[in-house]
Amino acid sequence: MYAIVRIAGRQFMVKEGQTFTVPKLDADAGTTVKFDDITFLRTKTDAIVGRPKVEGGSVEAEVLEHPRAAKVTVFKFRRREKYRRKLGHRQQLTRIRVSSIKHAG
């Protein structure tokens, strides 16, 4: 069984027991979060397409940690103008593990 769920504005294909990284969520490590915005759900016998969401479907996941992504360096310059700007950015992320996929039906 798998589902396509929208988390923080992005869509992810998730399976039970899968661990993956999503954009930062406002939840502490060790807590459980529930996602109701499911667009597609595949069971052993059925494929349920949401219009726009699957009614009665939910995905529960456990928050494992809040890592940060690798540093991205942004460098701007204009030749012969003595113009240089160097910036760095590290995106904050959340690592979660899917504990269950449910459907009322």
PDB file of N, CA and C in Angstrom:
ATOM      1  N   MET A   1       0.837  -1.161   0.000  1.00  0.00           N
ATOM      2  CA  MET A   1       0.000   0.000   0.000  1.00  0.00           C
ATOM      3  C   MET A   1       0.896   1.242   0.000  1.00  0.00           C
ATOM      4  N   TYR A   2       0.562   2.214  -0.833  1.00  0.00           N
ATOM      5  CA  TYR A   2       1.288   3.478  -0.835  1.00  0.00           C
ATOM      6  C   TYR A   2       0.313   4.605  -1.099  1.00  0.00           C
ATOM      7  N   ALA A   3       0.761   5.823  -0.818  1.00  0.00           N
ATOM      8  CA  ALA A   3      -0.077   7.004  -1.001  1.00  0.00           C
ATOM      9  C   ALA A   3       0.785   8.144  -1.521  1.00  0.00           C
ATOM     10  N   ILE A   4       0.140   9.056  -2.223  1.00  0.00           N
ATOM     11  CA  ILE A   4       0.788  10.301  -2.619  1.00  0.00           C
ATOM     12  C   ILE A   4       0.161  11.379  -1.748  1.00  0.00           C
ATOM     13  N   VAL A   5       1.001  12.000  -0.920  1.00  0.00           N
ATOM     14  CA  VAL A   5       0.521  12.946   0.083  1.00  0.00           C
ATOM     15  C   VAL A   5       1.237  14.277  -0.093  1.00  0.00           C
ATOM     16  N   ARG A   6       0.506  15.359   0.174  1.00  0.00           N
ATOM     17  CA  ARG A   6       1.082  16.697   0.080  1.00  0.00           C
ATOM     18  C   ARG A   6       1.534  17.131   1.472  1.00  0.00           C
ATOM     19  N   ILE A   7       2.851  17.385   1.591  1.00  0.00           N
ATOM     20  CA  ILE A   7       3.453  17.813   2.853  1.00  0.00           C
ATOM     21  C   ILE A   7       4.203  19.108   2.596  1.00  0.00           C
ATOM     22  N   ALA A   8       3.817  20.168   3.289  1.00  0.00           N
ATOM     23  CA  ALA A   8       4.479  21.475   3.187  1.00  0.00           C
ATOM     24  C   ALA A   8       4.539  21.973   1.743  1.00  0.00           C
ATOM     25  N   GLY A   9       3.462  21.769   0.982  1.00  0.00           N
ATOM     26  CA  GLY A   9       3.390  22.272  -0.377  1.00  0.00           C
ATOM     27  C   GLY A   9       4.035  21.402  -1.434  1.00  0.00           C
ATOM     28  N   ARG A  10       4.601  20.256  -1.049  1.00  0.00           N
ATOM     29  CA  ARG A  10       5.215  19.332  -2.010  1.00  0.00           C
ATOM     30  C   ARG A  10       4.541  17.979  -1.916  1.00  0.00           C
ATOM     31  N   GLN A  11       4.577  17.230  -3.005  1.00  0.00           N
ATOM     32  CA  GLN A  11       3.967  15.903  -3.019  1.00  0.00           C
ATOM     33  C   GLN A  11       5.047  14.834  -2.870  1.00  0.00           C
ATOM     34  N   PHE A  12       4.743  13.830  -2.019  1.00  0.00           N
ATOM     35  CA  PHE A  12       5.658  12.726  -1.773  1.00  0.00           C
ATOM     36  C   PHE A  12       4.899  11.414  -1.909  1.00  0.00           C
ATOM     37  N   MET A  13       5.560  10.408  -2.509  1.00  0.00           N
ATOM     38  CA  MET A  13       4.999   9.067  -2.537  1.00  0.00           C
ATOM     39  C   MET A  13       5.542   8.335  -1.314  1.00  0.00           C
ATOM     40  N   VAL A  14       4.639   7.879  -0.431  1.00  0.00           N
ATOM     41  CA  VAL A  14       5.063   7.291   0.834  1.00  0.00           C
ATOM     42  C   VAL A  14       4.544   5.872   0.977  1.00  0.00           C
ATOM     43  N   LYS A  15       5.327   5.046   1.663  1.00  0.00           N
ATOM     44  CA  LYS A  15       4.957   3.679   2.013  1.00  0.00           C
ATOM     45  C   LYS A  15       5.144   3.519   3.507  1.00  0.00           C
ATOM     46  N   GLU A  16       4.476   2.540   4.099  1.00  0.00           N
ATOM     47  CA  GLU A  16       4.613   2.306   5.536  1.00  0.00           C
ATOM     48  C   GLU A  16       6.044   1.886   5.859  1.00  0.00           C
ATOM     49  N   GLY A  17       6.607   2.477   6.909  1.00  0.00           N
ATOM     50  CA  GLY A  17       7.956   2.166   7.336  1.00  0.00           C
ATOM     51  C   GLY A  17       9.035   2.960   6.637  1.00  0.00           C
ATOM     52  N   GLN A  18       8.677   3.735   5.636  1.00  0.00           N
ATOM     53  CA  GLN A  18       9.652   4.503   4.863  1.00  0.00           C
ATOM     54  C   GLN A  18      10.129   5.718   5.661  1.00  0.00           C
ATOM     55  N   THR A  19      11.416   6.021   5.562  1.00  0.00           N
ATOM     56  CA  THR A  19      11.992   7.203   6.196  1.00  0.00           C
ATOM     57  C   THR A  19      12.438   8.162   5.098  1.00  0.00           C
ATOM     58  N   PHE A  20      12.054   9.440   5.211  1.00  0.00           N
ATOM     59  CA  PHE A  20      12.468  10.418   4.217  1.00  0.00           C
ATOM     60  C   PHE A  20      12.484  11.808   4.827  1.00  0.00           C
ATOM     61  N   THR A  21      13.005  12.761   4.072  1.00  0.00           N
ATOM     62  CA  THR A  21      13.205  14.122   4.540  1.00  0.00           C
ATOM     63  C   THR A  21      12.236  15.064   3.840  1.00  0.00           C
ATOM     64  N   VAL A  22      11.604  15.939   4.624  1.00  0.00           N
ATOM     65  CA  VAL A  22      10.651  16.922   4.115  1.00  0.00           C
ATOM     66  C   VAL A  22      11.080  18.306   4.585  1.00  0.00           C
ATOM     67  N   PRO A  23      10.513  19.378   4.014  1.00  0.00           N
ATOM     68  CA  PRO A  23      10.809  20.713   4.544  1.00  0.00           C
ATOM     69  C   PRO A  23      10.400  20.816   6.018  1.00  0.00           C
ATOM     70  N   LYS A  24      10.983  21.741   6.732  1.00  0.00           N
ATOM     71  CA  LYS A  24      10.814  21.880   8.186  1.00  0.00           C
ATOM     72  C   LYS A  24       9.350  21.916   8.606  1.00  0.00           C
ATOM     73  N   LEU A  25       9.001  21.056   9.579  1.00  0.00           N
ATOM     74  CA  LEU A  25       7.668  21.008  10.165  1.00  0.00           C
ATOM     75  C   LEU A  25       7.742  21.522  11.598  1.00  0.00           C
ATOM     76  N   ASP A  26       6.650  22.119  12.065  1.00  0.00           N
ATOM     77  CA  ASP A  26       6.597  22.615  13.443  1.00  0.00           C
ATOM     78  C   ASP A  26       6.138  21.497  14.371  1.00  0.00           C
ATOM     79  N   ALA A  27       7.011  20.547  14.616  1.00  0.00           N
ATOM     80  CA  ALA A  27       6.731  19.427  15.518  1.00  0.00           C
ATOM     81  C   ALA A  27       8.047  19.012  16.170  1.00  0.00           C
ATOM     82  N   ASP A  28       7.965  18.632  17.438  1.00  0.00           N
ATOM     83  CA  ASP A  28       9.164  18.212  18.150  1.00  0.00           C
ATOM     84  C   ASP A  28       9.552  16.795  17.759  1.00  0.00           C
ATOM     85  N   ALA A  29      10.831  16.472  17.919  1.00  0.00           N
ATOM     86  CA  ALA A  29      11.319  15.122  17.634  1.00  0.00           C
ATOM     87  C   ALA A  29      10.658  14.137  18.592  1.00  0.00           C
ATOM     88  N   GLY A  30      10.215  13.004  18.070  1.00  0.00           N
ATOM     89  CA  GLY A  30       9.552  11.987  18.873  1.00  0.00           C
ATOM     90  C   GLY A  30       8.034  12.070  18.862  1.00  0.00           C
ATOM     91  N   THR A  31       7.475  13.143  18.314  1.00  0.00           N
ATOM     92  CA  THR A  31       6.020  13.274  18.257  1.00  0.00           C
ATOM     93  C   THR A  31       5.487  12.667  16.962  1.00  0.00           C
ATOM     94  N   THR A  32       4.184  12.486  16.916  1.00  0.00           N
ATOM     95  CA  THR A  32       3.514  11.938  15.737  1.00  0.00           C
ATOM     96  C   THR A  32       2.734  13.044  15.043  1.00  0.00           C
ATOM     97  N   VAL A  33       2.858  13.108  13.721  1.00  0.00           N
ATOM     98  CA  VAL A  33       2.113  14.081  12.933  1.00  0.00           C
ATOM     99  C   VAL A  33       1.181  13.335  11.988  1.00  0.00           C
ATOM    100  N   LYS A  34       0.069  13.984  11.641  1.00  0.00           N
ATOM    101  CA  LYS A  34      -0.932  13.368  10.777  1.00  0.00           C
ATOM    102  C   LYS A  34      -1.130  14.255   9.554  1.00  0.00           C
ATOM    103  N   PHE A  35      -1.120  13.641   8.374  1.00  0.00           N
ATOM    104  CA  PHE A  35      -1.316  14.352   7.120  1.00  0.00           C
ATOM    105  C   PHE A  35      -2.613  13.862   6.485  1.00  0.00           C
ATOM    106  N   ASP A  36      -3.533  14.796   6.195  1.00  0.00           N
ATOM    107  CA  ASP A  36      -4.834  14.448   5.622  1.00  0.00           C
ATOM    108  C   ASP A  36      -4.941  14.771   4.138  1.00  0.00           C
ATOM    109  N   ASP A  37      -3.983  15.489   3.598  1.00  0.00           N
ATOM    110  CA  ASP A  37      -4.047  15.928   2.205  1.00  0.00           C
ATOM    111  C   ASP A  37      -3.467  14.850   1.284  1.00  0.00           C
ATOM    112  N   ILE A  38      -4.247  13.793   1.049  1.00  0.00           N
ATOM    113  CA  ILE A  38      -3.825  12.665   0.213  1.00  0.00           C
ATOM    114  C   ILE A  38      -4.486  12.806  -1.154  1.00  0.00           C
ATOM    115  N   THR A  39      -3.688  12.758  -2.216  1.00  0.00           N
ATOM    116  CA  THR A  39      -4.228  12.906  -3.565  1.00  0.00           C
ATOM    117  C   THR A  39      -4.429  11.567  -4.268  1.00  0.00           C
ATOM    118  N   PHE A  40      -3.725  10.527  -3.824  1.00  0.00           N
ATOM    119  CA  PHE A  40      -3.846   9.202  -4.436  1.00  0.00           C
ATOM    120  C   PHE A  40      -3.526   8.150  -3.387  1.00  0.00           C
ATOM    121  N   LEU A  41      -4.291   7.062  -3.412  1.00  0.00           N
ATOM    122  CA  LEU A  41      -4.077   5.982  -2.454  1.00  0.00           C
ATOM    123  C   LEU A  41      -4.186   4.654  -3.184  1.00  0.00           C
ATOM    124  N   ARG A  42      -3.182   3.820  -3.032  1.00  0.00           N
ATOM    125  CA  ARG A  42      -3.160   2.501  -3.675  1.00  0.00           C
ATOM    126  C   ARG A  42      -3.188   1.445  -2.581  1.00  0.00           C
ATOM    127  N   THR A  43      -4.243   0.626  -2.564  1.00  0.00           N
ATOM    128  CA  THR A  43      -4.342  -0.493  -1.634  1.00  0.00           C
ATOM    129  C   THR A  43      -4.012  -1.768  -2.391  1.00  0.00           C
ATOM    130  N   LYS A  44      -4.181  -2.914  -1.735  1.00  0.00           N
ATOM    131  CA  LYS A  44      -3.899  -4.185  -2.412  1.00  0.00           C
ATOM    132  C   LYS A  44      -4.845  -4.430  -3.574  1.00  0.00           C
ATOM    133  N   THR A  45      -6.084  -3.950  -3.459  1.00  0.00           N
ATOM    134  CA  THR A  45      -7.073  -4.235  -4.491  1.00  0.00           C
ATOM    135  C   THR A  45      -7.540  -3.011  -5.265  1.00  0.00           C
ATOM    136  N   ASP A  46      -7.430  -1.826  -4.678  1.00  0.00           N
ATOM    137  CA  ASP A  46      -8.003  -0.626  -5.302  1.00  0.00           C
ATOM    138  C   ASP A  46      -6.965   0.457  -5.512  1.00  0.00           C
ATOM    139  N   ALA A  47      -7.272   1.344  -6.443  1.00  0.00           N
ATOM    140  CA  ALA A  47      -6.538   2.591  -6.635  1.00  0.00           C
ATOM    141  C   ALA A  47      -7.555   3.709  -6.495  1.00  0.00           C
ATOM    142  N   ILE A  48      -7.387   4.549  -5.477  1.00  0.00           N
ATOM    143  CA  ILE A  48      -8.352   5.602  -5.175  1.00  0.00           C
ATOM    144  C   ILE A  48      -7.721   6.938  -5.523  1.00  0.00           C
ATOM    145  N   VAL A  49      -8.365   7.654  -6.442  1.00  0.00           N
ATOM    146  CA  VAL A  49      -7.888   8.953  -6.871  1.00  0.00           C
ATOM    147  C   VAL A  49      -8.719  10.013  -6.172  1.00  0.00           C
ATOM    148  N   GLY A  50      -8.067  10.957  -5.512  1.00  0.00           N
ATOM    149  CA  GLY A  50      -8.778  12.026  -4.824  1.00  0.00           C
ATOM    150  C   GLY A  50      -9.190  13.119  -5.782  1.00  0.00           C
ATOM    151  N   ARG A  51     -10.351  13.693  -5.502  1.00  0.00           N
ATOM    152  CA  ARG A  51     -10.853  14.798  -6.327  1.00  0.00           C
ATOM    153  C   ARG A  51     -11.302  15.915  -5.416  1.00  0.00           C
ATOM    154  N   PRO A  52     -10.480  16.771  -4.896  1.00  0.00           N
ATOM    155  CA  PRO A  52      -9.031  16.812  -4.994  1.00  0.00           C
ATOM    156  C   PRO A  52      -8.329  15.969  -3.935  1.00  0.00           C
ATOM    157  N   LYS A  53      -9.060  15.551  -2.865  1.00  0.00           N
ATOM    158  CA  LYS A  53      -8.446  14.748  -1.804  1.00  0.00           C
ATOM    159  C   LYS A  53      -9.178  13.425  -1.659  1.00  0.00           C
ATOM    160  N   VAL A  54      -8.483  12.423  -1.102  1.00  0.00           N
ATOM    161  CA  VAL A  54      -9.109  11.142  -0.792  1.00  0.00           C
ATOM    162  C   VAL A  54      -9.848  11.319   0.531  1.00  0.00           C
ATOM    163  N   GLU A  55     -11.164  11.100   0.514  1.00  0.00           N
ATOM    164  CA  GLU A  55     -11.985  11.273   1.716  1.00  0.00           C
ATOM    165  C   GLU A  55     -11.695  10.160   2.712  1.00  0.00           C
ATOM    166  N   GLY A  56     -11.451  10.529   3.957  1.00  0.00           N
ATOM    167  CA  GLY A  56     -11.219   9.549   5.014  1.00  0.00           C
ATOM    168  C   GLY A  56      -9.824   8.953   5.017  1.00  0.00           C
ATOM    169  N   GLY A  57      -8.939   9.466   4.197  1.00  0.00           N
ATOM    170  CA  GLY A  57      -7.572   8.947   4.150  1.00  0.00           C
ATOM    171  C   GLY A  57      -6.640   9.793   4.994  1.00  0.00           C
ATOM    172  N   SER A  58      -5.660   9.142   5.615  1.00  0.00           N
ATOM    173  CA  SER A  58      -4.673   9.880   6.399  1.00  0.00           C
ATOM    174  C   SER A  58      -3.367   9.097   6.459  1.00  0.00           C
ATOM    175  N   VAL A  59      -2.291   9.817   6.692  1.00  0.00           N
ATOM    176  CA  VAL A  59      -0.967   9.236   6.852  1.00  0.00           C
ATOM    177  C   VAL A  59      -0.430   9.734   8.184  1.00  0.00           C
ATOM    178  N   GLU A  60       0.014   8.807   9.025  1.00  0.00           N
ATOM    179  CA  GLU A  60       0.622   9.167  10.296  1.00  0.00           C
ATOM    180  C   GLU A  60       2.112   8.886  10.220  1.00  0.00           C
ATOM    181  N   ALA A  61       2.904   9.825  10.737  1.00  0.00           N
ATOM    182  CA  ALA A  61       4.355   9.698  10.684  1.00  0.00           C
ATOM    183  C   ALA A  61       4.960  10.180  11.995  1.00  0.00           C
ATOM    184  N   GLU A  62       6.109   9.601  12.325  1.00  0.00           N
ATOM    185  CA  GLU A  62       6.842   9.984  13.530  1.00  0.00           C
ATOM    186  C   GLU A  62       7.994  10.896  13.140  1.00  0.00           C
ATOM    187  N   VAL A  63       8.145  11.999  13.852  1.00  0.00           N
ATOM    188  CA  VAL A  63       9.235  12.936  13.598  1.00  0.00           C
ATOM    189  C   VAL A  63      10.490  12.387  14.264  1.00  0.00           C
ATOM    190  N   LEU A  64      11.543  12.176  13.483  1.00  0.00           N
ATOM    191  CA  LEU A  64      12.788  11.616  13.998  1.00  0.00           C
ATOM    192  C   LEU A  64      13.771  12.700  14.436  1.00  0.00           C
ATOM    193  N   GLU A  65      14.038  13.677  13.562  1.00  0.00           N
ATOM    194  CA  GLU A  65      15.001  14.724  13.871  1.00  0.00           C
ATOM    195  C   GLU A  65      14.799  15.911  12.941  1.00  0.00           C
ATOM    196  N   HIS A  66      15.528  16.987  13.225  1.00  0.00           N
ATOM    197  CA  HIS A  66      15.493  18.202  12.413  1.00  0.00           C
ATOM    198  C   HIS A  66      16.900  18.529  11.921  1.00  0.00           C
ATOM    199  N   PRO A  67      17.365  17.867  10.840  1.00  0.00           N
ATOM    200  CA  PRO A  67      18.705  18.166  10.319  1.00  0.00           C
ATOM    201  C   PRO A  67      18.687  19.424   9.453  1.00  0.00           C
ATOM    202  N   ARG A  68      19.862  19.812   8.988  1.00  0.00           N
ATOM    203  CA  ARG A  68      19.985  20.907   8.037  1.00  0.00           C
ATOM    204  C   ARG A  68      20.657  20.374   6.773  1.00  0.00           C
ATOM    205  N   ALA A  69      20.265  20.913   5.636  1.00  0.00           N
ATOM    206  CA  ALA A  69      20.807  20.472   4.357  1.00  0.00           C
ATOM    207  C   ALA A  69      22.236  20.977   4.192  1.00  0.00           C
ATOM    208  N   ALA A  70      22.894  20.475   3.168  1.00  0.00           N
ATOM    209  CA  ALA A  70      24.242  20.938   2.856  1.00  0.00           C
ATOM    210  C   ALA A  70      24.204  22.412   2.471  1.00  0.00           C
ATOM    211  N   LYS A  71      25.298  23.089   2.706  1.00  0.00           N
ATOM    212  CA  LYS A  71      25.359  24.524   2.440  1.00  0.00           C
ATOM    213  C   LYS A  71      25.362  24.808   0.943  1.00  0.00           C
ATOM    214  N   VAL A  72      24.577  25.794   0.551  1.00  0.00           N
ATOM    215  CA  VAL A  72      24.524  26.258  -0.822  1.00  0.00           C
ATOM    216  C   VAL A  72      25.167  27.638  -0.844  1.00  0.00           C
ATOM    217  N   THR A  73      26.161  27.812  -1.696  1.00  0.00           N
ATOM    218  CA  THR A  73      26.850  29.093  -1.801  1.00  0.00           C
ATOM    219  C   THR A  73      26.311  29.871  -2.994  1.00  0.00           C
ATOM    220  N   VAL A  74      25.946  31.125  -2.735  1.00  0.00           N
ATOM    221  CA  VAL A  74      25.443  32.012  -3.779  1.00  0.00           C
ATOM    222  C   VAL A  74      26.499  33.094  -3.987  1.00  0.00           C
ATOM    223  N   PHE A  75      27.047  33.185  -5.192  1.00  0.00           N
ATOM    224  CA  PHE A  75      28.100  34.155  -5.467  1.00  0.00           C
ATOM    225  C   PHE A  75      27.692  34.982  -6.672  1.00  0.00           C
ATOM    226  N   LYS A  76      27.642  36.313  -6.476  1.00  0.00           N
ATOM    227  CA  LYS A  76      27.310  37.228  -7.567  1.00  0.00           C
ATOM    228  C   LYS A  76      28.504  38.129  -7.818  1.00  0.00           C
ATOM    229  N   PHE A  77      28.762  38.446  -9.066  1.00  0.00           N
ATOM    230  CA  PHE A  77      29.807  39.417  -9.360  1.00  0.00           C
ATOM    231  C   PHE A  77      29.569  40.008 -10.739  1.00  0.00           C
ATOM    232  N   ARG A  78      30.123  41.206 -10.896  1.00  0.00           N
ATOM    233  CA  ARG A  78      30.114  41.856 -12.204  1.00  0.00           C
ATOM    234  C   ARG A  78      31.560  42.178 -12.553  1.00  0.00           C
ATOM    235  N   ARG A  79      31.991  41.718 -13.662  1.00  0.00           N
ATOM    236  CA  ARG A  79      33.400  41.879 -14.022  1.00  0.00           C
ATOM    237  C   ARG A  79      33.755  43.351 -14.204  1.00  0.00           C
ATOM    238  N   ARG A  80      34.953  43.656 -13.838  1.00  0.00           N
ATOM    239  CA  ARG A  80      35.541  44.997 -13.962  1.00  0.00           C
ATOM    240  C   ARG A  80      34.786  46.065 -13.180  1.00  0.00           C
ATOM    241  N   GLU A  81      33.931  45.688 -12.223  1.00  0.00           N
ATOM    242  CA  GLU A  81      33.148  46.677 -11.481  1.00  0.00           C
ATOM    243  C   GLU A  81      33.440  46.655  -9.982  1.00  0.00           C
ATOM    244  N   LYS A  82      34.338  45.759  -9.529  1.00  0.00           N
ATOM    245  CA  LYS A  82      34.616  45.575  -8.103  1.00  0.00           C
ATOM    246  C   LYS A  82      33.338  45.257  -7.328  1.00  0.00           C
ATOM    247  N   TYR A  83      32.477  44.451  -7.940  1.00  0.00           N
ATOM    248  CA  TYR A  83      31.217  44.064  -7.315  1.00  0.00           C
ATOM    249  C   TYR A  83      31.241  42.566  -7.055  1.00  0.00           C
ATOM    250  N   ARG A  84      31.244  42.166  -5.782  1.00  0.00           N
ATOM    251  CA  ARG A  84      31.212  40.757  -5.406  1.00  0.00           C
ATOM    252  C   ARG A  84      30.325  40.604  -4.185  1.00  0.00           C
ATOM    253  N   ARG A  85      29.458  39.599  -4.198  1.00  0.00           N
ATOM    254  CA  ARG A  85      28.606  39.289  -3.052  1.00  0.00           C
ATOM    255  C   ARG A  85      28.619  37.782  -2.853  1.00  0.00           C
ATOM    256  N   LYS A  86      28.931  37.342  -1.661  1.00  0.00           N
ATOM    257  CA  LYS A  86      28.966  35.912  -1.366  1.00  0.00           C
ATOM    258  C   LYS A  86      28.023  35.646  -0.202  1.00  0.00           C
ATOM    259  N   LEU A  87      27.062  34.764  -0.433  1.00  0.00           N
ATOM    260  CA  LEU A  87      26.082  34.391   0.577  1.00  0.00           C
ATOM    261  C   LEU A  87      26.056  32.880   0.707  1.00  0.00           C
ATOM    262  N   GLY A  88      25.698  32.399   1.884  1.00  0.00           N
ATOM    263  CA  GLY A  88      25.523  30.971   2.102  1.00  0.00           C
ATOM    264  C   GLY A  88      24.153  30.710   2.705  1.00  0.00           C
ATOM    265  N   HIS A  89      23.619  29.528   2.446  1.00  0.00           N
ATOM    266  CA  HIS A  89      22.301  29.179   2.970  1.00  0.00           C
ATOM    267  C   HIS A  89      22.243  27.689   3.277  1.00  0.00           C
ATOM    268  N   ARG A  90      21.652  27.335   4.426  1.00  0.00           N
ATOM    269  CA  ARG A  90      21.411  25.937   4.774  1.00  0.00           C
ATOM    270  C   ARG A  90      19.932  25.789   5.079  1.00  0.00           C
ATOM    271  N   GLN A  91      19.244  24.986   4.292  1.00  0.00           N
ATOM    272  CA  GLN A  91      17.817  24.780   4.457  1.00  0.00           C
ATOM    273  C   GLN A  91      17.548  23.889   5.661  1.00  0.00           C
ATOM    274  N   GLN A  92      16.554  24.253   6.475  1.00  0.00           N
ATOM    275  CA  GLN A  92      16.176  23.425   7.610  1.00  0.00           C
ATOM    276  C   GLN A  92      15.172  22.372   7.148  1.00  0.00           C
ATOM    277  N   LEU A  93      15.373  21.131   7.598  1.00  0.00           N
ATOM    278  CA  LEU A  93      14.578  19.997   7.155  1.00  0.00           C
ATOM    279  C   LEU A  93      14.026  19.235   8.353  1.00  0.00           C
ATOM    280  N   THR A  94      13.133  18.285   8.078  1.00  0.00           N
ATOM    281  CA  THR A  94      12.612  17.380   9.092  1.00  0.00           C
ATOM    282  C   THR A  94      12.652  15.973   8.529  1.00  0.00           C
ATOM    283  N   ARG A  95      13.213  15.029   9.281  1.00  0.00           N
ATOM    284  CA  ARG A  95      13.256  13.630   8.867  1.00  0.00           C
ATOM    285  C   ARG A  95      12.127  12.905   9.580  1.00  0.00           C
ATOM    286  N   ILE A  96      11.272  12.221   8.798  1.00  0.00           N
ATOM    287  CA  ILE A  96      10.114  11.516   9.368  1.00  0.00           C
ATOM    288  C   ILE A  96      10.099  10.062   8.911  1.00  0.00           C
ATOM    289  N   ARG A  97       9.398   9.223   9.690  1.00  0.00           N
ATOM    290  CA  ARG A  97       9.179   7.816   9.343  1.00  0.00           C
ATOM    291  C   ARG A  97       7.681   7.565   9.324  1.00  0.00           C
ATOM    292  N   VAL A  98       7.175   7.041   8.222  1.00  0.00           N
ATOM    293  CA  VAL A  98       5.748   6.779   8.075  1.00  0.00           C
ATOM    294  C   VAL A  98       5.384   5.557   8.918  1.00  0.00           C
ATOM    295  N   SER A  99       4.439   5.738   9.836  1.00  0.00           N
ATOM    296  CA  SER A  99       4.044   4.632  10.697  1.00  0.00           C
ATOM    297  C   SER A  99       2.794   3.926  10.179  1.00  0.00           C
ATOM    298  N   SER A 100       1.853   4.666   9.583  1.00  0.00           N
ATOM    299  CA  SER A 100       0.653   3.993   9.062  1.00  0.00           C
ATOM    300  C   SER A 100      -0.014   4.841   7.988  1.00  0.00           C
ATOM    301  N   ILE A 101      -0.684   4.122   7.077  1.00  0.00           N
ATOM    302  CA  ILE A 101      -1.514   4.746   6.041  1.00  0.00           C
ATOM    303  C   ILE A 101      -2.910   4.182   6.254  1.00  0.00           C
ATOM    304  N   LYS A 102      -3.885   5.076   6.459  1.00  0.00           N
ATOM    305  CA  LYS A 102      -5.251   4.639   6.772  1.00  0.00           C
ATOM    306  C   LYS A 102      -6.242   5.146   5.733  1.00  0.00           C
ATOM    307  N   HIS A 103      -7.294   4.359   5.550  1.00  0.00           N
ATOM    308  CA  HIS A 103      -8.381   4.748   4.671  1.00  0.00           C
ATOM    309  C   HIS A 103      -9.682   4.232   5.248  1.00  0.00           C
ATOM    310  N   ALA A 104     -10.667   5.089   5.370  1.00  0.00           N
ATOM    311  CA  ALA A 104     -11.975   4.700   5.891  1.00  0.00           C
ATOM    312  C   ALA A 104     -12.834   4.217   4.721  1.00  0.00           C
ATOM    313  N   GLY A 105     -12.712   2.957   4.412  1.00  0.00           N
ATOM    314  CA  GLY A 105     -13.511   2.470   3.305  1.00  0.00           C
ATOM    315  C   GLY A 105     -13.206   1.061   2.925  1.00  0.00           C
TER     316      GLY A 105
END
